[in-house]
Amino acid sequence: MSWDQSLVMGLLLAVVAGLVFTKIKPAILFAAVAFVVFQSGLISVEALAGNFTNSSLLTLVMLILASAALEKTRLVSWVSGQLSTGRLGTVVAKLGLSTAVLSSFTNNTAVVVSLIGAVKRNRRHAPSRLLIPLSYAAILGGTLTLIGTSTNLIINSFVESAGLPSLGFFAPSMIGLAVLAGGLLVLIPFCYLLPNHDDQSEDDLPYVLEAVVTKGSPLVGKTVAENDLRALRRLFLAEIVRHGELIAPVCPDTVLREGDKLQFCGDVESVATLQEIEGLALFGQHHINGQNLLELVVSHSASILGKSLKEAKFRENFDAVVVAIRRGHEKLEGGLGNISLQAGDTLVIVPGKGFAKAQQRLQREFVLVNGLDSSARLDSAMSAWVLVGFATVIGAALMEWIPLLNGLVAYLTVLLLTGVVSLVEVKRRFPAEIVVIVGSALSLAQLMITSGLSEQMGQLFIFWFNGWGVYGALIATYLLTLVLTELVTNNAAAALAFPIGYSLALGYGVDPMPFIMAVLFGASASFISPYGYQTNLLVYSVGNYQLMDYLRIGLPLSLVYSALVLGLIPVFFPF
């Protein structure tokens, strides 16, 4: 083994050991590798820069940034509505299919982030019975197309770096459809084994929100119970103001009338919930269209103390609309616009364009200004525009009229110019860690191939699996990737397994595509641990899960998934 090969091998082992046995972030480990190989002269600055600006990596970045707008559309509201009807198995089937379809055309992690709120707001079932199926369905849906998951695009960047033709948009689709069908057949019956953590409590819903029953609303003439307003999760109907008179407590058989002001207790996510109910107009609704929500705490020196929002002319003076108010855990009464503000009150606002210009006044009036990881929904017209625009970009790329990267750059530019997304959102969404991991991993994989190390490792694997043949090597590649995914995350697993799988294909003298697909599907096969895949980790704390919950449903899913993948790869991608 040459000095170059020894160094690359040492770095590879150091990365694996660091990922498995330490809590050092993968981005730091891979960045350290890139630094060492550059300083040692193994890779030029041009080659290193080229790896960090790989077209597949840039496409992934654009998809993640564009998803900030997709999350605000009414499509999420539609999915939320689908979760409010039917038995648990039916809901899991609808959630699984809709999540998989969404995940196939935009990054699956972004889909899960968008739908967690919808799952938590569903009116019938405990979120803990839906969140793991949501994550697994997103993983399965991510295998349907090339852009469904960051892992697929990362593997495509390795493919291009190795001098092979880029993978087609629908390259994994046939196998992906099979594993999606098999996965749903497992998820539907096994979801009943998940815990039933229902954390709804009126005492934990500190914000006061207000919505008005609009003219011609389908809610008019029906009782509160018939409109399912008593069954809203994380949102409690506390009182109704009708012609200046207060109705409290609200009985299930209270009939709603046009113009009724409904006072709710809720959390920040309740803003989106109320926007999704047809026939209700949130307080300040006509000033809301996709903006990020901010949280303000009223200062002791504020000029608005003792005044209501109306008296303080809040919207005129601050170019912002208050959509929720909290005063510790004290229950506030009366219309939102009539509550007298006190020092320490927390306001959730939707800022206008002129809000940030009054910095000095903001500092005097408010102690704290926090950005929230939540945003108001776009109206129907803007939602349609955003979705049609994204579909046009994908369609143009499929028709090969314009490269996907070029289309996404143009799309994101239009979103910024129209104010659908802001520069602040883009900065917050920018996936710096993914860029560092992929760029550094590409450099390591490149060196493994050019130094001959991956070829030597491939020959070693061929020796170990002597008698098993090329199919045995394919199984070994898949299982190696799967184990690495569970141990060190999917993107790192793809980076480590691709050079080995590619070299095995060269060693056997066969088409590399079956081995590339083994790495692609193996890197997405994270079902038995919350730590191997971003979507699993996202739902871990939200659903109050334990490791056994993932094992209970993930183990049978992993077995079915693996059997289908290993059985179908040779069919659709012959050696």
Protein backbone atom coordinates (compact mmCIF):
# COMPACT_ATOMS: atom_id res chain seq x y z
CA MET A 1 0.00 0.00 0.00
CA SER A 2 1.46 3.37 -1.07
CA TRP A 3 1.77 6.43 1.17
CA ASP A 4 -1.22 8.05 -0.54
CA GLN A 5 -3.35 4.96 -0.04
CA SER A 6 -2.25 4.63 3.60
CA LEU A 7 -3.21 8.23 4.33
CA VAL A 8 -6.60 7.93 2.64
CA MET A 9 -7.25 4.63 4.45
CA GLY A 10 -6.30 6.21 7.78
CA LEU A 11 -8.66 9.13 7.14
CA LEU A 12 -11.45 6.76 6.14
CA LEU A 13 -11.06 4.72 9.35
CA ALA A 14 -10.84 7.92 11.41
CA VAL A 15 -14.10 9.19 9.92
CA VAL A 16 -15.92 5.90 10.56
CA ALA A 17 -14.58 5.70 14.14
CA GLY A 18 -15.50 9.32 14.78
CA LEU A 19 -19.02 8.87 13.44
CA VAL A 20 -19.67 5.65 15.37
CA PHE A 21 -17.91 6.24 18.70
CA THR A 22 -18.01 10.01 19.24
CA LYS A 23 -20.60 12.76 19.26
CA ILE A 24 -18.58 14.97 16.92
CA LYS A 25 -20.81 16.35 14.17
CA PRO A 26 -20.34 14.62 10.79
CA ALA A 27 -19.75 18.00 9.14
CA ILE A 28 -16.75 18.67 11.39
CA LEU A 29 -15.27 15.22 10.73
CA PHE A 30 -15.62 15.47 6.96
CA ALA A 31 -14.34 19.07 6.95
CA ALA A 32 -11.25 17.90 8.84
CA VAL A 33 -10.68 15.25 6.17
CA ALA A 34 -10.93 17.85 3.39
CA PHE A 35 -8.46 20.06 5.24
CA VAL A 36 -5.92 17.23 5.67
CA VAL A 37 -6.06 16.02 2.05
CA PHE A 38 -5.73 19.60 0.78
CA GLN A 39 -2.81 20.45 3.06
CA SER A 40 -1.06 17.17 2.18
CA GLY A 41 -1.24 18.05 -1.52
CA LEU A 42 -3.37 15.04 -2.46
CA ILE A 43 -6.01 17.27 -4.02
CA SER A 44 -5.75 20.60 -5.81
CA VAL A 45 -7.71 23.70 -4.85
CA GLU A 46 -9.54 23.54 -8.20
CA ALA A 47 -10.64 19.95 -7.63
CA LEU A 48 -11.67 20.73 -4.04
CA ALA A 49 -13.69 23.76 -5.13
CA GLY A 50 -15.28 21.69 -7.91
CA ASN A 51 -16.51 19.14 -5.37
CA PHE A 52 -18.19 21.86 -3.30
CA THR A 53 -19.90 23.28 -6.40
CA ASN A 54 -21.01 19.96 -7.87
CA SER A 55 -24.22 20.40 -9.90
CA SER A 56 -26.12 17.72 -7.96
CA LEU A 57 -25.11 19.33 -4.65
CA LEU A 58 -26.19 22.78 -5.87
CA THR A 59 -29.51 21.29 -7.06
CA LEU A 60 -30.05 19.83 -3.58
CA VAL A 61 -29.36 23.22 -1.98
CA MET A 62 -31.85 24.94 -4.31
CA LEU A 63 -34.53 22.32 -3.54
CA ILE A 64 -34.12 22.82 0.20
CA LEU A 65 -34.32 26.61 -0.14
CA ALA A 66 -37.34 26.45 -2.47
CA SER A 67 -39.15 24.20 0.01
CA ALA A 68 -39.51 27.23 2.32
CA ALA A 69 -42.22 28.48 -0.06
CA LEU A 70 -43.82 25.08 -0.68
CA GLU A 71 -44.39 24.63 3.06
CA LYS A 72 -46.56 27.77 3.15
CA THR A 73 -48.97 26.60 0.45
CA ARG A 74 -52.49 25.27 0.98
CA LEU A 75 -51.26 21.85 -0.09
CA VAL A 76 -50.19 21.25 3.52
CA SER A 77 -53.67 22.35 4.64
CA TRP A 78 -55.20 19.79 2.28
CA VAL A 79 -53.09 16.99 3.75
CA SER A 80 -54.04 18.16 7.24
CA GLY A 81 -57.71 17.90 6.28
CA GLN A 82 -57.23 14.34 5.06
CA LEU A 83 -55.98 13.34 8.51
CA SER A 84 -59.18 14.42 10.22
CA THR A 85 -61.45 11.73 8.80
CA GLY A 86 -61.34 7.95 9.01
CA ARG A 87 -59.98 5.21 11.23
CA LEU A 88 -56.29 5.05 12.14
CA GLY A 89 -55.40 2.57 9.40
CA THR A 90 -57.20 4.65 6.77
CA VAL A 91 -55.49 7.82 7.96
CA VAL A 92 -52.05 6.15 7.86
CA ALA A 93 -52.75 4.97 4.30
CA LYS A 94 -53.77 8.48 3.19
CA LEU A 95 -50.88 10.08 5.08
CA GLY A 96 -48.42 7.56 3.63
CA LEU A 97 -49.51 8.03 0.02
CA SER A 98 -49.69 11.83 0.15
CA THR A 99 -46.35 12.09 1.99
CA ALA A 100 -44.67 9.73 -0.47
CA VAL A 101 -45.95 11.67 -3.49
CA LEU A 102 -44.81 14.98 -1.99
CA SER A 103 -41.43 13.48 -1.03
CA SER A 104 -40.82 12.22 -4.54
CA PHE A 105 -40.74 15.74 -5.99
CA THR A 106 -39.21 17.76 -3.19
CA ASN A 107 -36.76 16.95 -0.42
CA ASN A 108 -38.35 14.44 1.97
CA THR A 109 -36.89 16.10 5.08
CA ALA A 110 -38.63 19.36 4.13
CA VAL A 111 -41.89 17.44 3.62
CA VAL A 112 -41.72 15.98 7.14
CA VAL A 113 -40.93 19.40 8.62
CA SER A 114 -43.99 20.79 6.83
CA LEU A 115 -46.36 18.00 7.84
CA ILE A 116 -45.40 17.57 11.50
CA GLY A 117 -47.65 20.51 12.35
CA ALA A 118 -50.49 19.05 10.27
CA VAL A 119 -50.17 15.71 12.09
CA LYS A 120 -50.14 17.42 15.49
CA ARG A 121 -53.26 19.38 14.53
CA ASN A 122 -55.28 16.41 13.30
CA ARG A 123 -58.61 16.17 15.09
CA ARG A 124 -58.90 12.44 15.68
CA HIS A 125 -55.70 10.53 16.38
CA ALA A 126 -52.77 10.91 18.76
CA PRO A 127 -49.73 12.31 16.87
CA SER A 128 -47.55 9.56 18.36
CA ARG A 129 -49.43 7.02 16.22
CA LEU A 130 -48.85 8.98 13.02
CA LEU A 131 -45.41 10.58 13.23
CA ILE A 132 -43.25 7.46 12.75
CA PRO A 133 -45.42 6.37 9.77
CA LEU A 134 -44.99 9.94 8.44
CA SER A 135 -41.20 9.64 8.64
CA TYR A 136 -41.09 6.17 7.10
CA ALA A 137 -43.47 7.15 4.28
CA ALA A 138 -41.24 10.14 3.51
CA ILE A 139 -38.20 7.84 3.35
CA LEU A 140 -40.04 5.46 1.02
CA GLY A 141 -41.28 8.34 -1.13
CA GLY A 142 -37.77 9.72 -1.36
CA THR A 143 -36.70 6.62 -3.29
CA LEU A 144 -39.24 7.26 -6.07
CA THR A 145 -37.22 9.88 -7.95
CA LEU A 146 -33.71 11.28 -8.18
CA ILE A 147 -34.64 14.46 -6.24
CA GLY A 148 -36.75 12.76 -3.54
CA THR A 149 -33.97 12.71 -0.96
CA SER A 150 -30.63 14.41 -0.49
CA THR A 151 -28.98 10.98 -0.53
CA ASN A 152 -30.05 10.29 -4.12
CA LEU A 153 -28.61 13.59 -5.32
CA ILE A 154 -25.41 12.99 -3.35
CA ILE A 155 -25.00 9.55 -4.95
CA ASN A 156 -25.61 11.13 -8.36
CA SER A 157 -22.79 13.56 -7.62
CA PHE A 158 -20.51 10.56 -6.95
CA VAL A 159 -21.69 8.97 -10.20
CA GLU A 160 -20.84 12.11 -12.17
CA SER A 161 -17.52 12.45 -10.34
CA ALA A 162 -16.62 8.89 -11.39
CA GLY A 163 -17.14 9.87 -15.04
CA LEU A 164 -20.41 7.95 -15.45
CA PRO A 165 -23.58 9.38 -17.07
CA SER A 166 -25.89 11.16 -14.64
CA LEU A 167 -28.74 9.07 -13.22
CA GLY A 168 -32.13 9.61 -14.83
CA PHE A 169 -34.90 11.41 -12.92
CA PHE A 170 -36.96 8.21 -12.69
CA ALA A 171 -34.02 5.77 -12.45
CA PRO A 172 -35.07 4.34 -9.04
CA SER A 173 -38.83 4.68 -9.63
CA MET A 174 -39.87 1.09 -10.42
CA ILE A 175 -38.13 -0.36 -7.37
CA GLY A 176 -39.28 2.67 -5.35
CA LEU A 177 -42.94 2.00 -6.20
CA ALA A 178 -42.57 -1.62 -5.11
CA VAL A 179 -40.99 -0.74 -1.75
CA LEU A 180 -43.60 1.98 -1.18
CA ALA A 181 -46.43 -0.53 -1.71
CA GLY A 182 -44.73 -3.12 0.50
CA GLY A 183 -43.93 -0.49 3.13
CA LEU A 184 -47.52 0.73 3.36
CA LEU A 185 -48.73 -2.85 3.78
CA VAL A 186 -46.48 -3.03 6.84
CA LEU A 187 -47.19 0.45 8.23
CA ILE A 188 -51.01 0.21 8.17
CA PRO A 189 -51.40 -2.78 10.55
CA PHE A 190 -48.30 -2.08 12.66
CA CYS A 191 -49.24 1.56 13.41
CA TYR A 192 -51.70 0.21 16.02
CA LEU A 193 -48.65 -0.96 18.04
CA LEU A 194 -47.33 2.58 18.45
CA PRO A 195 -47.94 4.38 21.79
CA ASN A 196 -50.97 6.59 22.28
CA HIS A 197 -49.50 9.79 23.74
CA ASP A 198 -52.22 12.40 23.70
CA ASP A 199 -50.78 15.52 25.27
CA GLN A 200 -53.75 17.83 24.76
CA SER A 201 -54.29 19.98 27.83
CA GLU A 202 -56.04 23.33 28.05
CA ASP A 203 -53.50 24.48 30.65
CA ASP A 204 -50.66 24.07 28.13
CA LEU A 205 -52.31 26.33 25.53
CA PRO A 206 -51.36 29.83 26.68
CA TYR A 207 -52.12 32.01 23.62
CA VAL A 208 -55.46 33.70 22.96
CA LEU A 209 -56.48 33.70 19.29
CA GLU A 210 -59.59 35.06 17.61
CA ALA A 211 -61.45 34.08 14.46
CA VAL A 212 -64.72 35.37 12.97
CA VAL A 213 -67.41 33.25 11.32
CA THR A 214 -67.52 34.74 7.82
CA LYS A 215 -70.52 35.57 5.65
CA GLY A 216 -71.82 32.45 3.90
CA SER A 217 -69.64 30.22 6.09
CA PRO A 218 -70.48 26.48 6.03
CA LEU A 219 -70.21 26.60 9.84
CA VAL A 220 -73.35 28.77 10.17
CA GLY A 221 -76.43 26.98 11.52
CA LYS A 222 -74.43 24.02 12.85
CA THR A 223 -73.45 23.35 16.42
CA VAL A 224 -69.89 23.56 17.76
CA ALA A 225 -69.81 19.75 17.97
CA GLU A 226 -71.10 19.30 14.40
CA ASN A 227 -68.33 21.62 13.15
CA ASP A 228 -65.73 19.56 15.09
CA LEU A 229 -64.55 22.70 16.90
CA ARG A 230 -64.48 20.84 20.22
CA ALA A 231 -62.15 18.19 18.82
CA LEU A 232 -59.30 20.43 17.63
CA ARG A 233 -55.93 19.23 18.91
CA ARG A 234 -53.84 21.87 20.68
CA LEU A 235 -56.65 24.38 20.21
CA PHE A 236 -59.47 24.94 22.71
CA LEU A 237 -62.61 26.98 22.00
CA ALA A 238 -62.92 29.03 25.20
CA GLU A 239 -65.68 31.55 24.45
CA ILE A 240 -67.84 33.19 21.80
CA VAL A 241 -68.53 36.93 21.52
CA ARG A 242 -71.88 37.54 19.80
CA HIS A 243 -73.10 41.14 19.33
CA GLY A 244 -70.96 42.24 22.27
CA GLU A 245 -72.27 39.50 24.58
CA LEU A 246 -70.00 36.79 25.95
CA ILE A 247 -70.93 33.09 25.69
CA ALA A 248 -68.73 31.12 28.08
CA PRO A 249 -68.23 28.29 28.65
CA VAL A 250 -69.06 27.15 25.12
CA CYS A 251 -71.38 24.15 25.03
CA PRO A 252 -71.08 21.47 22.29
CA ASP A 253 -74.68 22.20 21.21
CA THR A 254 -74.13 25.96 20.78
CA VAL A 255 -75.22 26.92 17.24
CA LEU A 256 -72.83 29.23 15.39
CA ARG A 257 -74.07 32.36 13.66
CA GLU A 258 -72.58 34.65 11.06
CA GLY A 259 -70.29 37.26 12.64
CA ASP A 260 -69.61 35.25 15.82
CA LYS A 261 -66.15 35.95 17.23
CA LEU A 262 -64.61 32.71 18.46
CA GLN A 263 -61.95 32.99 21.17
CA PHE A 264 -59.48 30.10 21.26
CA CYS A 265 -56.68 29.01 23.57
CA GLY A 266 -53.81 27.61 21.52
CA ASP A 267 -50.12 27.60 20.71
CA VAL A 268 -48.13 29.20 17.89
CA GLU A 269 -49.06 26.45 15.43
CA SER A 270 -52.72 27.26 16.03
CA VAL A 271 -52.38 30.26 13.71
CA ALA A 272 -52.04 27.87 10.77
CA THR A 273 -54.79 25.61 12.13
CA LEU A 274 -57.36 28.41 12.14
CA GLN A 275 -56.34 29.47 8.64
CA GLU A 276 -57.14 25.94 7.45
CA ILE A 277 -60.75 25.90 8.71
CA GLU A 278 -63.11 26.93 5.92
CA GLY A 279 -65.52 29.64 6.93
CA LEU A 280 -63.33 31.14 9.67
CA ALA A 281 -61.29 34.31 9.23
CA LEU A 282 -58.36 34.71 11.62
CA PHE A 283 -58.02 38.08 13.37
CA GLY A 284 -56.15 40.26 10.84
CA GLN A 285 -56.54 37.61 8.11
CA HIS A 286 -56.59 40.07 5.19
CA HIS A 287 -53.07 41.26 6.13
CA ILE A 288 -51.60 37.75 6.25
CA ASN A 289 -50.05 36.00 3.27
CA GLY A 290 -47.16 33.67 4.02
CA GLN A 291 -45.04 35.91 6.27
CA ASN A 292 -42.88 34.52 9.05
CA LEU A 293 -44.31 34.89 12.54
CA LEU A 294 -42.48 36.90 15.20
CA GLU A 295 -42.81 36.89 18.98
CA LEU A 296 -42.68 40.17 20.93
CA VAL A 297 -42.67 40.78 24.70
CA VAL A 298 -44.18 44.11 25.77
CA SER A 299 -41.67 46.29 27.67
CA HIS A 300 -42.28 48.08 31.00
CA SER A 301 -41.52 51.35 29.18
CA ALA A 302 -43.90 50.73 26.29
CA SER A 303 -46.27 53.52 25.29
CA ILE A 304 -48.94 50.92 24.48
CA LEU A 305 -49.35 49.79 28.13
CA GLY A 306 -52.95 49.82 29.28
CA LYS A 307 -54.20 50.20 25.72
CA SER A 308 -55.96 47.69 23.54
CA LEU A 309 -54.63 46.86 20.08
CA LYS A 310 -57.31 49.10 18.61
CA GLU A 311 -56.51 52.01 20.95
CA ALA A 312 -52.79 51.65 20.31
CA LYS A 313 -53.41 51.55 16.54
CA PHE A 314 -50.95 48.67 16.49
CA ARG A 315 -51.11 47.90 12.78
CA GLU A 316 -50.78 51.53 11.72
CA ASN A 317 -47.89 52.31 14.11
CA PHE A 318 -45.85 49.12 13.70
CA ASP A 319 -46.96 47.78 10.30
CA ALA A 320 -47.74 44.44 11.93
CA VAL A 321 -50.82 42.38 12.77
CA VAL A 322 -51.21 40.67 16.16
CA VAL A 323 -52.68 37.18 15.77
CA ALA A 324 -52.21 35.83 19.31
CA ILE A 325 -51.59 37.15 22.84
CA ARG A 326 -50.26 35.36 25.92
CA ARG A 327 -50.06 36.54 29.53
CA GLY A 328 -48.25 33.74 31.36
CA HIS A 329 -50.89 31.08 31.99
CA GLU A 330 -53.60 33.60 32.83
CA LYS A 331 -56.80 33.13 30.85
CA LEU A 332 -57.61 36.31 28.95
CA GLU A 333 -61.20 37.21 28.14
CA GLY A 334 -62.86 39.43 25.57
CA GLY A 335 -62.02 40.05 21.93
CA LEU A 336 -58.38 40.02 20.93
CA GLY A 337 -58.57 43.65 19.83
CA ASN A 338 -60.05 44.69 23.19
CA ILE A 339 -57.47 43.17 25.57
CA SER A 340 -55.58 45.88 27.49
CA LEU A 341 -51.86 45.21 27.06
CA GLN A 342 -49.61 44.80 30.11
CA ALA A 343 -45.86 44.61 30.58
CA GLY A 344 -44.66 41.08 29.93
CA ASP A 345 -47.48 40.20 27.53
CA THR A 346 -46.23 38.07 24.64
CA LEU A 347 -47.58 38.89 21.20
CA VAL A 348 -47.36 36.73 18.10
CA ILE A 349 -47.35 39.05 15.11
CA VAL A 350 -47.27 38.93 11.32
CA PRO A 351 -44.87 41.73 10.28
CA GLY A 352 -45.35 43.95 7.26
CA LYS A 353 -42.59 45.35 5.05
CA GLY A 354 -42.17 48.47 7.19
CA PHE A 355 -41.94 46.63 10.51
CA ALA A 356 -38.13 46.32 10.60
CA LYS A 357 -37.64 50.02 9.77
CA ALA A 358 -38.80 51.14 13.23
CA GLN A 359 -35.86 49.57 15.09
CA GLN A 360 -35.46 52.31 17.71
CA ARG A 361 -39.15 52.32 18.55
CA LEU A 362 -39.23 48.51 18.67
CA GLN A 363 -36.42 48.52 21.25
CA ARG A 364 -38.37 50.97 23.41
CA GLU A 365 -41.70 49.19 23.14
CA PHE A 366 -40.60 45.55 23.32
CA VAL A 367 -38.06 43.66 25.41
CA LEU A 368 -37.61 40.83 22.96
CA VAL A 369 -38.11 40.11 19.29
CA ASN A 370 -37.86 36.43 18.36
CA GLY A 371 -38.25 34.74 15.02
CA LEU A 372 -40.44 31.63 15.23
CA ASP A 373 -40.01 28.42 13.24
CA SER A 374 -43.49 28.93 11.88
CA SER A 375 -45.17 31.02 9.24
CA ALA A 376 -48.62 32.01 8.11
CA ARG A 377 -50.19 30.22 5.13
CA LEU A 378 -50.23 31.80 1.69
CA ASP A 379 -53.69 32.62 0.36
CA SER A 380 -55.25 30.34 -2.25
CA ALA A 381 -54.14 32.39 -5.26
CA MET A 382 -50.53 32.70 -4.12
CA SER A 383 -50.44 29.01 -3.10
CA ALA A 384 -51.56 28.03 -6.60
CA TRP A 385 -48.93 30.30 -8.15
CA VAL A 386 -46.13 28.80 -6.03
CA LEU A 387 -47.18 25.20 -6.77
CA VAL A 388 -47.67 25.80 -10.51
CA GLY A 389 -44.26 27.49 -10.66
CA PHE A 390 -42.55 24.53 -9.00
CA ALA A 391 -44.39 22.02 -11.20
CA THR A 392 -43.35 24.03 -14.27
CA VAL A 393 -39.68 23.88 -13.24
CA ILE A 394 -39.84 20.11 -12.69
CA GLY A 395 -41.75 19.58 -15.95
CA ALA A 396 -39.30 21.70 -17.95
CA ALA A 397 -36.40 19.71 -16.50
CA LEU A 398 -38.07 16.39 -17.35
CA MET A 399 -38.68 17.58 -20.92
CA GLU A 400 -35.01 18.64 -21.02
CA TRP A 401 -35.97 22.19 -21.97
CA ILE A 402 -33.85 23.59 -19.14
CA PRO A 403 -31.47 22.01 -16.57
CA LEU A 404 -33.16 21.49 -13.20
CA LEU A 405 -30.53 23.61 -11.43
CA ASN A 406 -31.13 26.57 -13.76
CA GLY A 407 -34.89 26.30 -13.32
CA LEU A 408 -34.65 26.17 -9.52
CA VAL A 409 -32.33 29.20 -9.42
CA ALA A 410 -34.82 31.19 -11.52
CA TYR A 411 -37.73 29.95 -9.37
CA LEU A 412 -36.01 30.92 -6.10
CA THR A 413 -35.14 34.34 -7.55
CA VAL A 414 -38.81 34.98 -8.37
CA LEU A 415 -39.84 33.84 -4.87
CA LEU A 416 -37.42 36.35 -3.35
CA LEU A 417 -38.46 39.20 -5.63
CA THR A 418 -42.16 38.64 -4.90
CA GLY A 419 -41.59 38.37 -1.16
CA VAL A 420 -42.93 34.81 -0.87
CA VAL A 421 -39.69 33.95 0.90
CA SER A 422 -37.28 36.39 2.52
CA LEU A 423 -33.49 36.52 2.65
CA VAL A 424 -33.75 35.79 6.38
CA GLU A 425 -35.58 32.53 5.61
CA VAL A 426 -33.00 31.62 2.94
CA LYS A 427 -30.14 32.23 5.37
CA ARG A 428 -31.85 30.15 8.05
CA ARG A 429 -32.60 27.32 5.61
CA PHE A 430 -29.19 27.22 3.93
CA PRO A 431 -27.96 23.62 4.49
CA ALA A 432 -24.35 24.47 5.40
CA GLU A 433 -23.72 21.11 7.08
CA ILE A 434 -24.90 19.15 4.04
CA VAL A 435 -22.67 21.22 1.75
CA VAL A 436 -19.64 20.58 3.97
CA ILE A 437 -20.35 16.85 4.27
CA VAL A 438 -21.00 16.29 0.56
CA GLY A 439 -18.15 18.45 -0.72
CA SER A 440 -15.67 16.81 1.67
CA ALA A 441 -17.06 13.32 1.07
CA LEU A 442 -16.73 13.78 -2.69
CA SER A 443 -13.07 14.63 -2.18
CA LEU A 444 -12.51 11.53 -0.05
CA ALA A 445 -14.37 9.27 -2.49
CA GLN A 446 -12.42 10.77 -5.39
CA LEU A 447 -9.12 10.01 -3.65
CA MET A 448 -10.24 6.47 -2.78
CA ILE A 449 -10.81 5.85 -6.52
CA THR A 450 -7.80 7.74 -7.98
CA SER A 451 -5.32 6.33 -5.43
CA GLY A 452 -6.44 2.78 -6.15
CA LEU A 453 -7.57 2.22 -2.56
CA SER A 454 -11.19 1.46 -3.49
CA GLU A 455 -9.97 -1.03 -6.11
CA GLN A 456 -7.88 -2.83 -3.47
CA MET A 457 -10.83 -2.84 -1.08
CA GLY A 458 -13.03 -4.19 -3.88
CA GLN A 459 -10.57 -7.01 -4.53
CA LEU A 460 -10.54 -7.79 -0.82
CA PHE A 461 -14.35 -8.01 -0.83
CA ILE A 462 -14.24 -10.24 -3.90
CA PHE A 463 -11.80 -12.53 -2.04
CA TRP A 464 -14.04 -12.64 1.04
CA PHE A 465 -17.13 -13.43 -1.03
CA ASN A 466 -15.39 -15.95 -3.27
CA GLY A 467 -18.01 -18.54 -4.25
CA TRP A 468 -20.90 -16.16 -3.65
CA GLY A 469 -20.50 -14.51 -7.02
CA VAL A 470 -21.51 -11.05 -8.14
CA TYR A 471 -24.96 -11.27 -6.52
CA GLY A 472 -23.33 -12.02 -3.17
CA ALA A 473 -21.18 -8.92 -3.62
CA LEU A 474 -24.33 -6.90 -4.37
CA ILE A 475 -25.96 -8.13 -1.15
CA ALA A 476 -22.78 -7.29 0.78
CA THR A 477 -22.74 -3.76 -0.67
CA TYR A 478 -26.37 -3.21 0.27
CA LEU A 479 -25.97 -4.56 3.82
CA LEU A 480 -22.78 -2.54 4.37
CA THR A 481 -24.62 0.63 3.31
CA LEU A 482 -27.64 -0.23 5.47
CA VAL A 483 -25.50 -0.80 8.59
CA LEU A 484 -23.55 2.41 7.97
CA THR A 485 -26.84 4.30 7.54
CA GLU A 486 -28.11 3.16 10.92
CA LEU A 487 -24.77 3.96 12.56
CA VAL A 488 -23.50 7.13 10.88
CA THR A 489 -26.47 8.76 9.01
CA ASN A 490 -27.56 8.27 5.42
CA ASN A 491 -25.42 10.89 3.66
CA ALA A 492 -22.22 9.74 5.36
CA ALA A 493 -23.11 6.10 4.57
CA ALA A 494 -23.52 6.92 0.88
CA ALA A 495 -20.16 8.69 0.85
CA LEU A 496 -18.37 5.75 2.45
CA ALA A 497 -20.11 2.92 0.58
CA PHE A 498 -20.17 4.27 -2.97
CA PRO A 499 -16.43 3.86 -3.76
CA ILE A 500 -16.50 0.28 -2.47
CA GLY A 501 -19.62 -0.67 -4.47
CA TYR A 502 -18.23 0.99 -7.59
CA SER A 503 -14.92 -0.85 -7.27
CA LEU A 504 -16.70 -4.18 -6.74
CA ALA A 505 -18.54 -3.65 -10.03
CA LEU A 506 -15.24 -2.90 -11.81
CA GLY A 507 -13.59 -5.91 -10.15
CA TYR A 508 -16.29 -8.26 -11.39
CA GLY A 509 -16.35 -6.53 -14.78
CA VAL A 510 -20.09 -5.85 -14.65
CA ASP A 511 -22.34 -2.81 -15.10
CA PRO A 512 -21.97 -0.52 -12.03
CA MET A 513 -25.70 0.40 -11.99
CA PRO A 514 -26.87 -2.54 -9.80
CA PHE A 515 -24.24 -1.61 -7.19
CA ILE A 516 -25.11 2.09 -7.44
CA MET A 517 -28.77 1.19 -6.80
CA ALA A 518 -27.73 -1.02 -3.86
CA VAL A 519 -26.00 1.98 -2.29
CA LEU A 520 -28.89 4.29 -3.16
CA PHE A 521 -31.57 2.12 -1.56
CA GLY A 522 -29.31 0.94 1.27
CA ALA A 523 -28.59 4.55 2.27
CA SER A 524 -32.35 5.16 2.64
CA ALA A 525 -33.00 1.97 4.61
CA SER A 526 -33.02 3.59 8.05
CA PHE A 527 -36.04 2.22 9.89
CA ILE A 528 -34.81 0.71 13.16
CA SER A 529 -33.08 3.72 14.73
CA PRO A 530 -34.09 7.35 15.28
CA TYR A 531 -30.54 8.53 14.58
CA GLY A 532 -29.77 7.24 11.08
CA TYR A 533 -32.08 9.48 9.07
CA GLN A 534 -33.03 13.14 9.52
CA THR A 535 -36.78 12.51 9.31
CA ASN A 536 -36.65 9.87 12.07
CA LEU A 537 -34.82 12.31 14.31
CA LEU A 538 -37.32 15.08 13.54
CA VAL A 539 -40.27 13.09 14.90
CA TYR A 540 -38.36 11.50 17.80
CA SER A 541 -38.97 14.13 20.47
CA VAL A 542 -42.23 15.48 18.97
CA GLY A 543 -43.85 12.05 19.30
CA ASN A 544 -42.25 11.38 22.71
CA TYR A 545 -40.89 8.09 21.34
CA GLN A 546 -38.46 5.54 22.72
CA LEU A 547 -36.03 3.37 20.75
CA MET A 548 -38.34 0.35 21.13
CA ASP A 549 -41.07 2.19 19.21
CA TYR A 550 -38.79 2.36 16.16
CA LEU A 551 -37.79 -1.30 16.51
CA ARG A 552 -41.40 -2.45 16.88
CA ILE A 553 -42.48 -1.07 13.51
CA GLY A 554 -39.12 -0.53 11.80
CA LEU A 555 -37.74 -4.08 11.97
CA PRO A 556 -40.51 -5.74 9.93
CA LEU A 557 -40.47 -2.77 7.54
CA SER A 558 -36.70 -3.08 7.09
CA LEU A 559 -36.99 -6.81 6.32
CA VAL A 560 -39.72 -6.28 3.70
CA TYR A 561 -37.88 -3.30 2.19
CA SER A 562 -34.57 -5.21 1.95
CA ALA A 563 -36.16 -8.32 0.44
CA LEU A 564 -37.89 -6.25 -2.26
CA VAL A 565 -34.80 -4.18 -3.07
CA LEU A 566 -32.43 -7.16 -3.32
CA GLY A 567 -34.96 -9.13 -5.33
CA LEU A 568 -35.77 -6.36 -7.80
CA ILE A 569 -32.38 -4.74 -8.47
CA PRO A 570 -31.16 -7.60 -10.74
CA VAL A 571 -34.54 -7.52 -12.54
CA PHE A 572 -34.48 -3.82 -13.44
CA PHE A 573 -30.68 -3.40 -13.52
CA PRO A 574 -29.13 -6.64 -14.85
CA PHE A 575 -25.45 -7.29 -14.32
